[in-house]
PDB file of N, CA and C in Angstrom:
ATOM      1  N   UNK A   1       0.844  -1.172   0.000  1.00  0.00           N
ATOM      2  CA  UNK A   1       0.000   0.000   0.000  1.00  0.00           C
ATOM      3  C   UNK A   1       0.887   1.232   0.000  1.00  0.00           C
ATOM      4  N   UNK A   2       0.540   2.223  -0.804  1.00  0.00           N
ATOM      5  CA  UNK A   2       1.350   3.423  -0.925  1.00  0.00           C
ATOM      6  C   UNK A   2       1.134   4.408   0.209  1.00  0.00           C
ATOM      7  N   UNK A   3       1.954   5.435   0.200  1.00  0.00           N
ATOM      8  CA  UNK A   3       1.855   6.491   1.202  1.00  0.00           C
ATOM      9  C   UNK A   3       0.822   7.504   0.728  1.00  0.00           C
ATOM     10  N   UNK A   4      -0.075   7.892   1.630  1.00  0.00           N
ATOM     11  CA  UNK A   4      -1.091   8.882   1.282  1.00  0.00           C
ATOM     12  C   UNK A   4      -0.450  10.259   1.179  1.00  0.00           C
ATOM     13  N   UNK A   5      -0.819  11.001   0.160  1.00  0.00           N
ATOM     14  CA  UNK A   5      -0.306  12.347  -0.038  1.00  0.00           C
ATOM     15  C   UNK A   5      -1.461  13.315   0.122  1.00  0.00           C
ATOM     16  N   UNK A   6      -1.275  14.342   0.929  1.00  0.00           N
ATOM     17  CA  UNK A   6      -2.316  15.329   1.154  1.00  0.00           C
ATOM     18  C   UNK A   6      -2.025  16.562   0.318  1.00  0.00           C
ATOM     19  N   UNK A   7      -3.049  17.092  -0.309  1.00  0.00           N
ATOM     20  CA  UNK A   7      -2.888  18.320  -1.085  1.00  0.00           C
ATOM     21  C   UNK A   7      -3.934  19.325  -0.652  1.00  0.00           C
ATOM     22  N   UNK A   8      -3.601  20.592  -0.745  1.00  0.00           N
ATOM     23  CA  UNK A   8      -4.551  21.651  -0.419  1.00  0.00           C
ATOM     24  C   UNK A   8      -5.136  22.174  -1.723  1.00  0.00           C
ATOM     25  N   UNK A   9      -6.435  22.236  -1.793  1.00  0.00           N
ATOM     26  CA  UNK A   9      -7.093  22.729  -2.996  1.00  0.00           C
ATOM     27  C   UNK A   9      -8.430  23.347  -2.617  1.00  0.00           C
ATOM     28  N   UNK A  10      -8.927  24.210  -3.456  1.00  0.00           N
ATOM     29  CA  UNK A  10     -10.228  24.827  -3.215  1.00  0.00           C
ATOM     30  C   UNK A  10     -11.355  24.009  -3.817  1.00  0.00           C
ATOM     31  N   UNK A  11     -11.018  22.976  -4.588  1.00  0.00           N
ATOM     32  CA  UNK A  11     -12.038  22.183  -5.265  1.00  0.00           C
ATOM     33  C   UNK A  11     -12.450  20.979  -4.424  1.00  0.00           C
ATOM     34  N   UNK A  12     -13.719  20.626  -4.489  1.00  0.00           N
ATOM     35  CA  UNK A  12     -14.230  19.424  -3.830  1.00  0.00           C
ATOM     36  C   UNK A  12     -13.841  18.220  -4.670  1.00  0.00           C
ATOM     37  N   UNK A  13     -13.448  17.118  -4.027  1.00  0.00           N
ATOM     38  CA  UNK A  13     -13.093  15.898  -4.747  1.00  0.00           C
ATOM     39  C   UNK A  13     -14.252  14.910  -4.636  1.00  0.00           C
ATOM     40  N   UNK A  14     -14.782  14.501  -5.761  1.00  0.00           N
ATOM     41  CA  UNK A  14     -15.877  13.545  -5.790  1.00  0.00           C
ATOM     42  C   UNK A  14     -15.339  12.125  -5.865  1.00  0.00           C
ATOM     43  N   UNK A  15     -16.011  11.188  -5.180  1.00  0.00           N
ATOM     44  CA  UNK A  15     -15.664   9.785  -5.293  1.00  0.00           C
ATOM     45  C   UNK A  15     -16.422   9.112  -6.421  1.00  0.00           C
ATOM     46  N   UNK A  16     -17.399   9.769  -6.963  1.00  0.00           N
ATOM     47  CA  UNK A  16     -18.254   9.178  -7.991  1.00  0.00           C
ATOM     48  C   UNK A  16     -17.685   9.376  -9.387  1.00  0.00           C
ATOM     49  N   UNK A  17     -17.919   8.386 -10.241  1.00  0.00           N
ATOM     50  CA  UNK A  17     -17.601   8.567 -11.659  1.00  0.00           C
ATOM     51  C   UNK A  17     -18.881   8.876 -12.443  1.00  0.00           C
ATOM     52  N   UNK A  18     -19.967   9.177 -11.718  1.00  0.00           N
ATOM     53  CA  UNK A  18     -21.241   9.618 -12.280  1.00  0.00           C
ATOM     54  C   UNK A  18     -21.937   8.559 -13.130  1.00  0.00           C
ATOM     55  N   UNK A  19     -21.643   7.282 -12.882  1.00  0.00           N
ATOM     56  CA  UNK A  19     -22.323   6.253 -13.670  1.00  0.00           C
ATOM     57  C   UNK A  19     -23.719   6.007 -13.110  1.00  0.00           C
ATOM     58  N   UNK A  20     -24.581   5.395 -13.882  1.00  0.00           N
ATOM     59  CA  UNK A  20     -25.978   5.203 -13.490  1.00  0.00           C
ATOM     60  C   UNK A  20     -26.161   4.125 -12.417  1.00  0.00           C
ATOM     61  N   UNK A  21     -25.117   3.359 -12.124  1.00  0.00           N
ATOM     62  CA  UNK A  21     -25.221   2.278 -11.145  1.00  0.00           C
ATOM     63  C   UNK A  21     -24.825   2.701  -9.740  1.00  0.00           C
ATOM     64  N   UNK A  22     -24.264   3.898  -9.573  1.00  0.00           N
ATOM     65  CA  UNK A  22     -23.891   4.380  -8.251  1.00  0.00           C
ATOM     66  C   UNK A  22     -22.412   4.176  -7.955  1.00  0.00           C
ATOM     67  N   UNK A  23     -22.035   4.424  -6.698  1.00  0.00           N
ATOM     68  CA  UNK A  23     -20.653   4.307  -6.250  1.00  0.00           C
ATOM     69  C   UNK A  23     -20.601   3.431  -5.022  1.00  0.00           C
ATOM     70  N   UNK A  24     -19.735   2.446  -5.026  1.00  0.00           N
ATOM     71  CA  UNK A  24     -19.609   1.531  -3.893  1.00  0.00           C
ATOM     72  C   UNK A  24     -18.347   1.877  -3.111  1.00  0.00           C
ATOM     73  N   UNK A  25     -18.463   1.856  -1.792  1.00  0.00           N
ATOM     74  CA  UNK A  25     -17.314   2.007  -0.917  1.00  0.00           C
ATOM     75  C   UNK A  25     -17.008   0.622  -0.365  1.00  0.00           C
ATOM     76  N   UNK A  26     -15.847   0.073  -0.707  1.00  0.00           N
ATOM     77  CA  UNK A  26     -15.509  -1.285  -0.302  1.00  0.00           C
ATOM     78  C   UNK A  26     -16.009  -2.275  -1.336  1.00  0.00           C
ATOM     79  N   UNK A  27     -15.403  -3.460  -1.341  1.00  0.00           N
ATOM     80  CA  UNK A  27     -15.825  -4.459  -2.325  1.00  0.00           C
ATOM     81  C   UNK A  27     -16.477  -5.681  -1.685  1.00  0.00           C
ATOM     82  N   UNK A  28     -16.379  -5.821  -0.364  1.00  0.00           N
ATOM     83  CA  UNK A  28     -17.056  -6.910   0.347  1.00  0.00           C
ATOM     84  C   UNK A  28     -17.685  -6.355   1.617  1.00  0.00           C
ATOM     85  N   UNK A  29     -18.568  -7.121   2.236  1.00  0.00           N
ATOM     86  CA  UNK A  29     -19.225  -6.657   3.459  1.00  0.00           C
ATOM     87  C   UNK A  29     -18.265  -6.562   4.638  1.00  0.00           C
ATOM     88  N   UNK A  30     -17.077  -7.126   4.511  1.00  0.00           N
ATOM     89  CA  UNK A  30     -16.108  -7.053   5.608  1.00  0.00           C
ATOM     90  C   UNK A  30     -15.085  -5.934   5.427  1.00  0.00           C
ATOM     91  N   UNK A  31     -15.112  -5.231   4.269  1.00  0.00           N
ATOM     92  CA  UNK A  31     -14.229  -4.080   4.089  1.00  0.00           C
ATOM     93  C   UNK A  31     -14.627  -2.999   5.088  1.00  0.00           C
ATOM     94  N   UNK A  32     -13.636  -2.405   5.716  1.00  0.00           N
ATOM     95  CA  UNK A  32     -13.906  -1.364   6.704  1.00  0.00           C
ATOM     96  C   UNK A  32     -13.970  -0.004   6.033  1.00  0.00           C
ATOM     97  N   UNK A  33     -14.982   0.793   6.408  1.00  0.00           N
ATOM     98  CA  UNK A  33     -15.109   2.156   5.908  1.00  0.00           C
ATOM     99  C   UNK A  33     -15.482   3.051   7.077  1.00  0.00           C
ATOM    100  N   UNK A  34     -15.244   4.344   6.930  1.00  0.00           N
ATOM    101  CA  UNK A  34     -15.712   5.304   7.923  1.00  0.00           C
ATOM    102  C   UNK A  34     -15.937   6.635   7.220  1.00  0.00           C
ATOM    103  N   UNK A  35     -16.571   7.539   7.896  1.00  0.00           N
ATOM    104  CA  UNK A  35     -16.898   8.831   7.337  1.00  0.00           C
ATOM    105  C   UNK A  35     -16.271   9.920   8.178  1.00  0.00           C
ATOM    106  N   UNK A  36     -16.282  11.145   7.680  1.00  0.00           N
ATOM    107  CA  UNK A  36     -15.677  12.293   8.353  1.00  0.00           C
ATOM    108  C   UNK A  36     -16.084  12.367   9.818  1.00  0.00           C
ATOM    109  N   UNK A  37     -15.123  12.597  10.669  1.00  0.00           N
ATOM    110  CA  UNK A  37     -15.393  12.773  12.088  1.00  0.00           C
ATOM    111  C   UNK A  37     -15.298  11.499  12.902  1.00  0.00           C
ATOM    112  N   UNK A  38     -15.186  10.342  12.254  1.00  0.00           N
ATOM    113  CA  UNK A  38     -15.050   9.088  12.991  1.00  0.00           C
ATOM    114  C   UNK A  38     -13.591   8.674  13.019  1.00  0.00           C
ATOM    115  N   UNK A  39     -13.227   7.899  14.017  1.00  0.00           N
ATOM    116  CA  UNK A  39     -11.842   7.457  14.141  1.00  0.00           C
ATOM    117  C   UNK A  39     -11.701   5.956  13.961  1.00  0.00           C
ATOM    118  N   UNK A  40     -12.815   5.240  13.912  1.00  0.00           N
ATOM    119  CA  UNK A  40     -12.771   3.797  13.767  1.00  0.00           C
ATOM    120  C   UNK A  40     -13.609   3.368  12.574  1.00  0.00           C
ATOM    121  N   UNK A  41     -13.000   2.633  11.659  1.00  0.00           N
ATOM    122  CA  UNK A  41     -13.742   2.125  10.503  1.00  0.00           C
ATOM    123  C   UNK A  41     -14.517   0.874  10.919  1.00  0.00           C
ATOM    124  N   UNK A  42     -15.659   0.655  10.300  1.00  0.00           N
ATOM    125  CA  UNK A  42     -16.501  -0.504  10.619  1.00  0.00           C
ATOM    126  C   UNK A  42     -16.879  -1.239   9.345  1.00  0.00           C
ATOM    127  N   UNK A  43     -17.204  -2.527   9.483  1.00  0.00           N
ATOM    128  CA  UNK A  43     -17.703  -3.292   8.348  1.00  0.00           C
ATOM    129  C   UNK A  43     -19.211  -3.134   8.271  1.00  0.00           C
ATOM    130  N   UNK A  44     -19.816  -3.708   7.252  1.00  0.00           N
ATOM    131  CA  UNK A  44     -21.259  -3.604   7.031  1.00  0.00           C
ATOM    132  C   UNK A  44     -22.016  -4.108   8.258  1.00  0.00           C
ATOM    133  N   UNK A  45     -22.772  -3.227   8.921  1.00  0.00           N
ATOM    134  CA  UNK A  45     -23.531  -3.664  10.097  1.00  0.00           C
ATOM    135  C   UNK A  45     -24.809  -4.406   9.690  1.00  0.00           C
ATOM    136  N   UNK A  46     -25.277  -5.293  10.556  1.00  0.00           N
ATOM    137  CA  UNK A  46     -26.543  -5.989  10.353  1.00  0.00           C
ATOM    138  C   UNK A  46     -27.643  -5.244  11.070  1.00  0.00           C
ATOM    139  N   UNK A  47     -28.747  -5.055  10.402  1.00  0.00           N
ATOM    140  CA  UNK A  47     -29.914  -4.434  11.019  1.00  0.00           C
ATOM    141  C   UNK A  47     -31.000  -5.484  11.066  1.00  0.00           C
ATOM    142  N   UNK A  48     -31.458  -5.799  12.274  1.00  0.00           N
ATOM    143  CA  UNK A  48     -32.473  -6.833  12.451  1.00  0.00           C
ATOM    144  C   UNK A  48     -33.628  -6.306  13.287  1.00  0.00           C
ATOM    145  N   UNK A  49     -34.694  -7.029  13.314  1.00  0.00           N
ATOM    146  CA  UNK A  49     -35.830  -6.693  14.152  1.00  0.00           C
ATOM    147  C   UNK A  49     -37.061  -6.361  13.330  1.00  0.00           C
ATOM    148  N   UNK A  50     -38.190  -6.468  13.960  1.00  0.00           N
ATOM    149  CA  UNK A  50     -39.467  -6.190  13.325  1.00  0.00           C
ATOM    150  C   UNK A  50     -39.744  -4.692  13.340  1.00  0.00           C
ATOM    151  N   UNK A  51     -40.140  -4.160  12.190  1.00  0.00           N
ATOM    152  CA  UNK A  51     -40.455  -2.744  12.109  1.00  0.00           C
ATOM    153  C   UNK A  51     -41.615  -2.410  13.040  1.00  0.00           C
ATOM    154  N   UNK A  52     -42.573  -3.304  13.165  1.00  0.00           N
ATOM    155  CA  UNK A  52     -43.735  -3.031  13.998  1.00  0.00           C
ATOM    156  C   UNK A  52     -43.380  -2.955  15.483  1.00  0.00           C
ATOM    157  N   UNK A  53     -42.291  -3.597  15.894  1.00  0.00           N
ATOM    158  CA  UNK A  53     -41.917  -3.552  17.308  1.00  0.00           C
ATOM    159  C   UNK A  53     -40.968  -2.405  17.611  1.00  0.00           C
ATOM    160  N   UNK A  54     -40.470  -1.751  16.579  1.00  0.00           N
ATOM    161  CA  UNK A  54     -39.515  -0.671  16.782  1.00  0.00           C
ATOM    162  C   UNK A  54     -38.082  -1.160  16.906  1.00  0.00           C
ATOM    163  N   UNK A  55     -37.877  -2.475  16.927  1.00  0.00           N
ATOM    164  CA  UNK A  55     -36.530  -3.022  17.069  1.00  0.00           C
ATOM    165  C   UNK A  55     -35.664  -2.674  15.863  1.00  0.00           C
ATOM    166  N   UNK A  56     -36.246  -2.647  14.668  1.00  0.00           N
ATOM    167  CA  UNK A  56     -35.481  -2.319  13.471  1.00  0.00           C
ATOM    168  C   UNK A  56     -34.996  -0.872  13.525  1.00  0.00           C
ATOM    169  N   UNK A  57     -35.837   0.035  14.005  1.00  0.00           N
ATOM    170  CA  UNK A  57     -35.439   1.437  14.126  1.00  0.00           C
ATOM    171  C   UNK A  57     -34.291   1.584  15.107  1.00  0.00           C
ATOM    172  N   UNK A  58     -34.344   0.858  16.194  1.00  0.00           N
ATOM    173  CA  UNK A  58     -33.272   0.891  17.180  1.00  0.00           C
ATOM    174  C   UNK A  58     -31.977   0.337  16.593  1.00  0.00           C
ATOM    175  N   UNK A  59     -32.078  -0.798  15.890  1.00  0.00           N
ATOM    176  CA  UNK A  59     -30.901  -1.386  15.261  1.00  0.00           C
ATOM    177  C   UNK A  59     -30.330  -0.462  14.206  1.00  0.00           C
ATOM    178  N   UNK A  60     -31.196   0.213  13.461  1.00  0.00           N
ATOM    179  CA  UNK A  60     -30.755   1.144  12.431  1.00  0.00           C
ATOM    180  C   UNK A  60     -29.998   2.311  13.057  1.00  0.00           C
ATOM    181  N   UNK A  61     -30.506   2.841  14.159  1.00  0.00           N
ATOM    182  CA  UNK A  61     -29.830   3.948  14.836  1.00  0.00           C
ATOM    183  C   UNK A  61     -28.443   3.533  15.308  1.00  0.00           C
ATOM    184  N   UNK A  62     -28.319   2.335  15.860  1.00  0.00           N
ATOM    185  CA  UNK A  62     -27.020   1.835  16.313  1.00  0.00           C
ATOM    186  C   UNK A  62     -26.072   1.661  15.129  1.00  0.00           C
ATOM    187  N   UNK A  63     -26.566   1.124  14.014  1.00  0.00           N
ATOM    188  CA  UNK A  63     -25.740   0.908  12.823  1.00  0.00           C
ATOM    189  C   UNK A  63     -25.263   2.239  12.242  1.00  0.00           C
ATOM    190  N   UNK A  64     -26.150   3.214  12.124  1.00  0.00           N
ATOM    191  CA  UNK A  64     -25.768   4.519  11.585  1.00  0.00           C
ATOM    192  C   UNK A  64     -24.766   5.216  12.493  1.00  0.00           C
ATOM    193  N   UNK A  65     -24.952   5.089  13.804  1.00  0.00           N
ATOM    194  CA  UNK A  65     -24.013   5.689  14.750  1.00  0.00           C
ATOM    195  C   UNK A  65     -22.647   5.023  14.661  1.00  0.00           C
ATOM    196  N   UNK A  66     -22.610   3.711  14.451  1.00  0.00           N
ATOM    197  CA  UNK A  66     -21.326   3.018  14.362  1.00  0.00           C
ATOM    198  C   UNK A  66     -20.533   3.441  13.132  1.00  0.00           C
ATOM    199  N   UNK A  67     -21.231   3.913  12.095  1.00  0.00           N
ATOM    200  CA  UNK A  67     -20.558   4.397  10.892  1.00  0.00           C
ATOM    201  C   UNK A  67     -20.257   5.886  10.968  1.00  0.00           C
ATOM    202  N   UNK A  68     -20.677   6.531  12.041  1.00  0.00           N
ATOM    203  CA  UNK A  68     -20.424   7.953  12.197  1.00  0.00           C
ATOM    204  C   UNK A  68     -21.368   8.852  11.420  1.00  0.00           C
ATOM    205  N   UNK A  69     -22.495   8.293  10.969  1.00  0.00           N
ATOM    206  CA  UNK A  69     -23.431   9.075  10.166  1.00  0.00           C
ATOM    207  C   UNK A  69     -24.434   9.846  11.012  1.00  0.00           C
ATOM    208  N   UNK A  70     -24.651   9.411  12.243  1.00  0.00           N
ATOM    209  CA  UNK A  70     -25.514  10.137  13.176  1.00  0.00           C
ATOM    210  C   UNK A  70     -24.857  10.104  14.550  1.00  0.00           C
ATOM    211  N   UNK A  71     -25.281  11.021  15.408  1.00  0.00           N
ATOM    212  CA  UNK A  71     -24.859  10.997  16.802  1.00  0.00           C
ATOM    213  C   UNK A  71     -26.020  10.419  17.594  1.00  0.00           C
ATOM    214  N   UNK A  72     -25.759   9.326  18.272  1.00  0.00           N
ATOM    215  CA  UNK A  72     -26.787   8.633  19.035  1.00  0.00           C
ATOM    216  C   UNK A  72     -26.548   8.929  20.503  1.00  0.00           C
ATOM    217  N   UNK A  73     -27.326   9.844  21.052  1.00  0.00           N
ATOM    218  CA  UNK A  73     -27.132  10.214  22.460  1.00  0.00           C
ATOM    219  C   UNK A  73     -28.478  10.249  23.167  1.00  0.00           C
ATOM    220  N   UNK A  74     -28.423  10.074  24.443  1.00  0.00           N
ATOM    221  CA  UNK A  74     -29.625  10.095  25.274  1.00  0.00           C
ATOM    222  C   UNK A  74     -29.634  11.412  26.048  1.00  0.00           C
ATOM    223  N   UNK A  75     -30.752  12.122  25.945  1.00  0.00           N
ATOM    224  CA  UNK A  75     -30.867  13.402  26.653  1.00  0.00           C
ATOM    225  C   UNK A  75     -30.935  13.162  28.154  1.00  0.00           C
ATOM    226  N   UNK A  76     -30.311  14.044  28.944  1.00  0.00           N
ATOM    227  CA  UNK A  76     -30.338  13.884  30.420  1.00  0.00           C
ATOM    228  C   UNK A  76     -31.710  14.097  30.990  1.00  0.00           C
TER     229      UNK A  76
END
């Protein structure tokens, strides 16, 4: 693996090649990815539970938080 080189520029860098099929991050479910502001990369999380019981929403919140896409906190 090569050394990462950082450059300063005023332009935004896109990861997309603008194809109609979308852009994939990672090539398998075990590839680790993370987003801005996170320090730990995670693999594809599993979301389980029945939507009617609310378990799926809870699992989804935990999965999104593990990827750094939302902040999951409990108000005092």
